[in-house]
Amino acid sequence: MDVIDKIKICGLEQLTPYQGRAALIDGEQIALFYVPNQGVFAVQNWDPIGQAYVLCRGIVGDIAGELCVASPLYKQHFSLVTGVCMEDADVRLNVYSVKIEQGSVCITC
């Protein structure tokens, strides 16, 4: 049986709605996005197209009902749910499972 590790990242109150925050987890940069009434989403902070750690500075929105973040560099849109780039389905971000427990944002690995 696999043991699922939970890593506490921050308190939910430390996240500003619709604005990204970066966290360093085991040497990897993660971008966190709090969208009220939908939850907290976590994706890799590395933009594979722009080749920089910038996704936490992207703009949150949706395209045809799909919640996404637009890269601040070349403006590609990445799904916050699946990580898929909406302009190029062959490009994808790592997505992390997020749980809110007693007001704390936790990532499960």
N, C-alpha and C. Protein backbone atom coordinates (compact mmCIF):
# COMPACT_ATOMS: atom_id res chain seq x y z
N MET A 1 0.84 -1.18 0.00
CA MET A 1 0.00 0.00 0.00
C MET A 1 0.88 1.24 0.00
N ASP A 2 0.61 2.18 -0.91
CA ASP A 2 1.38 3.41 -1.00
C ASP A 2 0.94 4.39 0.08
N VAL A 3 1.93 5.08 0.65
CA VAL A 3 1.64 6.12 1.62
C VAL A 3 1.58 7.44 0.87
N ILE A 4 0.52 8.19 1.08
CA ILE A 4 0.38 9.49 0.43
C ILE A 4 0.90 10.55 1.38
N ASP A 5 1.90 11.31 0.91
CA ASP A 5 2.46 12.38 1.71
C ASP A 5 1.68 13.66 1.45
N LYS A 6 1.40 14.38 2.53
CA LYS A 6 0.78 15.69 2.43
C LYS A 6 1.81 16.72 2.86
N ILE A 7 1.97 17.74 2.06
CA ILE A 7 2.91 18.80 2.38
C ILE A 7 2.12 20.08 2.59
N LYS A 8 2.21 20.65 3.78
CA LYS A 8 1.54 21.91 4.07
C LYS A 8 2.33 23.03 3.40
N ILE A 9 1.63 23.84 2.60
CA ILE A 9 2.28 24.91 1.85
C ILE A 9 2.12 26.25 2.56
N CYS A 10 0.88 26.59 2.92
CA CYS A 10 0.61 27.88 3.54
C CYS A 10 -0.82 27.86 4.07
N GLY A 11 -1.21 28.94 4.72
CA GLY A 11 -2.60 29.11 5.13
C GLY A 11 -3.40 29.65 3.96
N LEU A 12 -4.65 29.26 3.86
CA LEU A 12 -5.50 29.74 2.78
C LEU A 12 -5.57 31.27 2.79
N GLU A 13 -5.55 31.87 3.97
CA GLU A 13 -5.64 33.33 4.08
C GLU A 13 -4.41 34.04 3.49
N GLN A 14 -3.34 33.31 3.24
CA GLN A 14 -2.14 33.90 2.65
C GLN A 14 -2.23 34.00 1.12
N LEU A 15 -3.25 33.39 0.53
CA LEU A 15 -3.43 33.45 -0.91
C LEU A 15 -4.45 34.53 -1.25
N THR A 16 -4.13 35.34 -2.24
CA THR A 16 -5.03 36.38 -2.71
C THR A 16 -5.84 35.82 -3.88
N PRO A 17 -7.17 35.95 -3.83
CA PRO A 17 -7.97 35.40 -4.94
C PRO A 17 -7.49 35.89 -6.31
N TYR A 18 -7.40 34.96 -7.22
CA TYR A 18 -7.06 35.19 -8.63
C TYR A 18 -5.61 35.62 -8.87
N GLN A 19 -4.80 35.69 -7.84
CA GLN A 19 -3.39 36.04 -8.02
C GLN A 19 -2.54 34.83 -7.65
N GLY A 20 -1.53 34.55 -8.47
CA GLY A 20 -0.67 33.42 -8.22
C GLY A 20 0.36 33.68 -7.13
N ARG A 21 0.79 32.61 -6.51
CA ARG A 21 1.88 32.64 -5.54
C ARG A 21 2.79 31.47 -5.86
N ALA A 22 4.07 31.66 -5.70
CA ALA A 22 5.03 30.58 -5.94
C ALA A 22 5.43 29.95 -4.62
N ALA A 23 5.69 28.64 -4.66
CA ALA A 23 6.19 27.91 -3.51
C ALA A 23 7.28 26.96 -4.00
N LEU A 24 8.28 26.75 -3.17
CA LEU A 24 9.36 25.82 -3.51
C LEU A 24 9.16 24.55 -2.70
N ILE A 25 8.87 23.44 -3.39
CA ILE A 25 8.60 22.16 -2.75
C ILE A 25 9.60 21.14 -3.26
N ASP A 26 10.44 20.65 -2.36
CA ASP A 26 11.46 19.66 -2.72
C ASP A 26 12.24 20.08 -3.96
N GLY A 27 12.62 21.35 -4.03
CA GLY A 27 13.44 21.84 -5.14
C GLY A 27 12.67 22.19 -6.40
N GLU A 28 11.34 22.04 -6.38
CA GLU A 28 10.54 22.36 -7.57
C GLU A 28 9.64 23.54 -7.27
N GLN A 29 9.61 24.51 -8.20
CA GLN A 29 8.73 25.66 -8.05
C GLN A 29 7.32 25.30 -8.49
N ILE A 30 6.36 25.64 -7.62
CA ILE A 30 4.95 25.37 -7.87
C ILE A 30 4.21 26.71 -7.86
N ALA A 31 3.27 26.89 -8.76
CA ALA A 31 2.42 28.07 -8.79
C ALA A 31 1.06 27.71 -8.20
N LEU A 32 0.62 28.47 -7.21
CA LEU A 32 -0.67 28.25 -6.55
C LEU A 32 -1.64 29.35 -6.96
N PHE A 33 -2.88 28.97 -7.22
CA PHE A 33 -3.92 29.92 -7.59
C PHE A 33 -5.17 29.61 -6.79
N TYR A 34 -5.68 30.62 -6.07
CA TYR A 34 -6.92 30.48 -5.31
C TYR A 34 -8.04 31.14 -6.10
N VAL A 35 -9.02 30.34 -6.47
CA VAL A 35 -10.19 30.82 -7.20
C VAL A 35 -11.40 30.58 -6.29
N PRO A 36 -11.95 31.66 -5.70
CA PRO A 36 -13.08 31.48 -4.78
C PRO A 36 -14.20 30.64 -5.42
N ASN A 37 -14.82 29.83 -4.61
CA ASN A 37 -15.91 28.94 -5.00
C ASN A 37 -15.49 27.81 -5.94
N GLN A 38 -14.19 27.74 -6.27
CA GLN A 38 -13.70 26.65 -7.12
C GLN A 38 -12.52 25.92 -6.50
N GLY A 39 -11.78 26.59 -5.63
CA GLY A 39 -10.69 25.92 -4.93
C GLY A 39 -9.33 26.53 -5.18
N VAL A 40 -8.32 25.78 -4.75
CA VAL A 40 -6.93 26.16 -4.95
C VAL A 40 -6.34 25.18 -5.96
N PHE A 41 -5.60 25.70 -6.90
CA PHE A 41 -5.00 24.90 -7.97
C PHE A 41 -3.50 25.07 -7.90
N ALA A 42 -2.79 23.99 -8.21
CA ALA A 42 -1.33 24.02 -8.18
C ALA A 42 -0.78 23.39 -9.46
N VAL A 43 0.08 24.15 -10.14
CA VAL A 43 0.74 23.68 -11.36
C VAL A 43 2.22 24.04 -11.26
N GLN A 44 3.02 23.44 -12.11
CA GLN A 44 4.43 23.82 -12.12
C GLN A 44 4.55 25.29 -12.47
N ASN A 45 5.55 25.97 -11.91
CA ASN A 45 5.75 27.39 -12.18
C ASN A 45 6.55 27.61 -13.47
N TRP A 46 7.20 26.59 -13.97
CA TRP A 46 8.02 26.66 -15.18
C TRP A 46 7.13 26.72 -16.42
N ASP A 47 7.29 27.77 -17.21
CA ASP A 47 6.58 27.89 -18.48
C ASP A 47 7.41 27.16 -19.53
N PRO A 48 6.92 26.03 -20.05
CA PRO A 48 7.71 25.24 -20.99
C PRO A 48 7.89 25.92 -22.35
N ILE A 49 7.06 26.88 -22.67
CA ILE A 49 7.18 27.59 -23.94
C ILE A 49 8.09 28.81 -23.78
N GLY A 50 7.85 29.60 -22.75
CA GLY A 50 8.67 30.79 -22.50
C GLY A 50 10.01 30.48 -21.85
N GLN A 51 10.16 29.24 -21.34
CA GLN A 51 11.40 28.78 -20.72
C GLN A 51 11.82 29.64 -19.53
N ALA A 52 10.87 29.89 -18.62
CA ALA A 52 11.15 30.68 -17.41
C ALA A 52 10.15 30.31 -16.32
N TYR A 53 10.53 30.57 -15.07
CA TYR A 53 9.65 30.33 -13.92
C TYR A 53 8.76 31.56 -13.72
N VAL A 54 7.63 31.60 -14.41
CA VAL A 54 6.80 32.80 -14.41
C VAL A 54 5.30 32.56 -14.29
N LEU A 55 4.84 31.33 -14.31
CA LEU A 55 3.40 31.10 -14.38
C LEU A 55 2.64 31.66 -13.18
N CYS A 56 3.29 31.77 -12.03
CA CYS A 56 2.61 32.35 -10.87
C CYS A 56 2.24 33.82 -11.10
N ARG A 57 2.83 34.44 -12.11
CA ARG A 57 2.53 35.83 -12.44
C ARG A 57 1.51 35.95 -13.57
N GLY A 58 0.96 34.82 -13.99
CA GLY A 58 0.01 34.81 -15.08
C GLY A 58 -1.37 35.30 -14.66
N ILE A 59 -2.20 35.50 -15.65
CA ILE A 59 -3.56 35.98 -15.43
C ILE A 59 -4.52 34.80 -15.43
N VAL A 60 -5.34 34.70 -14.38
CA VAL A 60 -6.33 33.62 -14.26
C VAL A 60 -7.61 34.03 -14.97
N GLY A 61 -8.17 33.10 -15.71
CA GLY A 61 -9.44 33.35 -16.39
C GLY A 61 -10.02 32.03 -16.84
N ASP A 62 -10.84 32.07 -17.87
CA ASP A 62 -11.34 30.83 -18.43
C ASP A 62 -11.55 31.00 -19.93
N ILE A 63 -11.44 29.90 -20.61
CA ILE A 63 -11.71 29.84 -22.04
C ILE A 63 -12.76 28.75 -22.23
N ALA A 64 -13.92 29.16 -22.74
CA ALA A 64 -15.04 28.23 -22.96
C ALA A 64 -15.34 27.42 -21.71
N GLY A 65 -15.27 28.07 -20.54
CA GLY A 65 -15.60 27.41 -19.28
C GLY A 65 -14.46 26.65 -18.64
N GLU A 66 -13.30 26.57 -19.31
CA GLU A 66 -12.13 25.86 -18.76
C GLU A 66 -11.26 26.87 -18.01
N LEU A 67 -11.12 26.66 -16.68
CA LEU A 67 -10.30 27.53 -15.85
C LEU A 67 -8.85 27.43 -16.30
N CYS A 68 -8.20 28.59 -16.50
CA CYS A 68 -6.83 28.55 -17.02
C CYS A 68 -6.01 29.72 -16.49
N VAL A 69 -4.71 29.64 -16.75
CA VAL A 69 -3.79 30.74 -16.47
C VAL A 69 -3.08 31.07 -17.78
N ALA A 70 -2.99 32.36 -18.08
CA ALA A 70 -2.28 32.82 -19.27
C ALA A 70 -0.85 33.16 -18.87
N SER A 71 0.10 32.59 -19.57
CA SER A 71 1.51 32.88 -19.29
C SER A 71 1.78 34.36 -19.52
N PRO A 72 2.55 34.99 -18.63
CA PRO A 72 2.87 36.40 -18.82
C PRO A 72 3.87 36.64 -19.95
N LEU A 73 4.48 35.59 -20.48
CA LEU A 73 5.48 35.79 -21.53
C LEU A 73 4.86 35.82 -22.92
N TYR A 74 4.40 34.67 -23.40
CA TYR A 74 3.86 34.60 -24.77
C TYR A 74 2.36 34.39 -24.80
N LYS A 75 1.74 34.44 -23.63
CA LYS A 75 0.28 34.43 -23.48
C LYS A 75 -0.41 33.11 -23.79
N GLN A 76 0.32 32.00 -23.83
CA GLN A 76 -0.36 30.71 -23.98
C GLN A 76 -1.20 30.47 -22.73
N HIS A 77 -2.29 29.75 -22.91
CA HIS A 77 -3.21 29.45 -21.81
C HIS A 77 -3.04 27.99 -21.40
N PHE A 78 -2.93 27.77 -20.10
CA PHE A 78 -2.79 26.42 -19.56
C PHE A 78 -3.96 26.14 -18.62
N SER A 79 -4.59 24.99 -18.79
CA SER A 79 -5.68 24.58 -17.91
C SER A 79 -5.14 24.40 -16.50
N LEU A 80 -5.85 24.97 -15.52
CA LEU A 80 -5.45 24.78 -14.12
C LEU A 80 -5.88 23.41 -13.61
N VAL A 81 -6.76 22.74 -14.33
CA VAL A 81 -7.25 21.42 -13.92
C VAL A 81 -6.39 20.30 -14.51
N THR A 82 -6.09 20.39 -15.81
CA THR A 82 -5.36 19.31 -16.49
C THR A 82 -3.91 19.66 -16.82
N GLY A 83 -3.59 20.96 -16.86
CA GLY A 83 -2.25 21.39 -17.24
C GLY A 83 -2.03 21.51 -18.74
N VAL A 84 -3.00 21.11 -19.54
CA VAL A 84 -2.84 21.12 -21.00
C VAL A 84 -2.83 22.55 -21.52
N CYS A 85 -1.91 22.82 -22.46
CA CYS A 85 -1.86 24.11 -23.13
C CYS A 85 -3.01 24.17 -24.14
N MET A 86 -3.80 25.21 -24.09
CA MET A 86 -4.98 25.29 -24.95
C MET A 86 -4.63 25.63 -26.40
N GLU A 87 -3.45 26.16 -26.61
CA GLU A 87 -3.03 26.45 -27.98
C GLU A 87 -2.23 25.31 -28.61
N ASP A 88 -1.67 24.43 -27.77
CA ASP A 88 -0.86 23.31 -28.26
C ASP A 88 -1.02 22.13 -27.30
N ALA A 89 -1.93 21.23 -27.62
CA ALA A 89 -2.26 20.11 -26.72
C ALA A 89 -1.09 19.17 -26.45
N ASP A 90 0.00 19.28 -27.20
CA ASP A 90 1.18 18.46 -26.95
C ASP A 90 2.01 19.00 -25.78
N VAL A 91 1.72 20.22 -25.34
CA VAL A 91 2.44 20.85 -24.22
C VAL A 91 1.55 20.79 -23.00
N ARG A 92 2.14 20.38 -21.88
CA ARG A 92 1.35 20.18 -20.66
C ARG A 92 2.20 20.51 -19.44
N LEU A 93 1.55 21.07 -18.43
CA LEU A 93 2.19 21.35 -17.14
C LEU A 93 1.93 20.21 -16.18
N ASN A 94 2.82 20.03 -15.22
CA ASN A 94 2.54 19.14 -14.10
C ASN A 94 1.47 19.80 -13.24
N VAL A 95 0.50 19.01 -12.81
CA VAL A 95 -0.59 19.49 -11.96
C VAL A 95 -0.51 18.71 -10.64
N TYR A 96 -0.76 19.41 -9.54
CA TYR A 96 -0.66 18.80 -8.22
C TYR A 96 -2.02 18.81 -7.53
N SER A 97 -2.29 17.76 -6.79
CA SER A 97 -3.54 17.65 -6.04
C SER A 97 -3.46 18.52 -4.79
N VAL A 98 -4.47 19.36 -4.59
CA VAL A 98 -4.50 20.29 -3.46
C VAL A 98 -5.69 19.96 -2.57
N LYS A 99 -5.45 19.97 -1.28
CA LYS A 99 -6.51 19.80 -0.29
C LYS A 99 -6.41 20.97 0.70
N ILE A 100 -7.56 21.44 1.16
CA ILE A 100 -7.60 22.45 2.21
C ILE A 100 -7.98 21.73 3.49
N GLU A 101 -7.10 21.76 4.49
CA GLU A 101 -7.34 21.08 5.75
C GLU A 101 -7.15 22.05 6.89
N GLN A 102 -8.22 22.31 7.61
CA GLN A 102 -8.20 23.22 8.77
C GLN A 102 -7.56 24.55 8.39
N GLY A 103 -7.92 25.08 7.23
CA GLY A 103 -7.42 26.38 6.80
C GLY A 103 -6.04 26.37 6.18
N SER A 104 -5.43 25.19 6.07
CA SER A 104 -4.10 25.08 5.47
C SER A 104 -4.19 24.49 4.06
N VAL A 105 -3.38 25.03 3.17
CA VAL A 105 -3.29 24.52 1.80
C VAL A 105 -2.22 23.42 1.79
N CYS A 106 -2.63 22.22 1.40
CA CYS A 106 -1.72 21.07 1.39
C CYS A 106 -1.69 20.45 -0.01
N ILE A 107 -0.50 20.03 -0.42
CA ILE A 107 -0.35 19.30 -1.68
C ILE A 107 -0.12 17.85 -1.32
N THR A 108 -0.80 16.95 -2.02
CA THR A 108 -0.58 15.53 -1.79
C THR A 108 0.30 14.98 -2.90
N CYS A 109 1.24 14.15 -2.49
CA CYS A 109 2.18 13.54 -3.44
C CYS A 109 2.07 12.03 -3.36
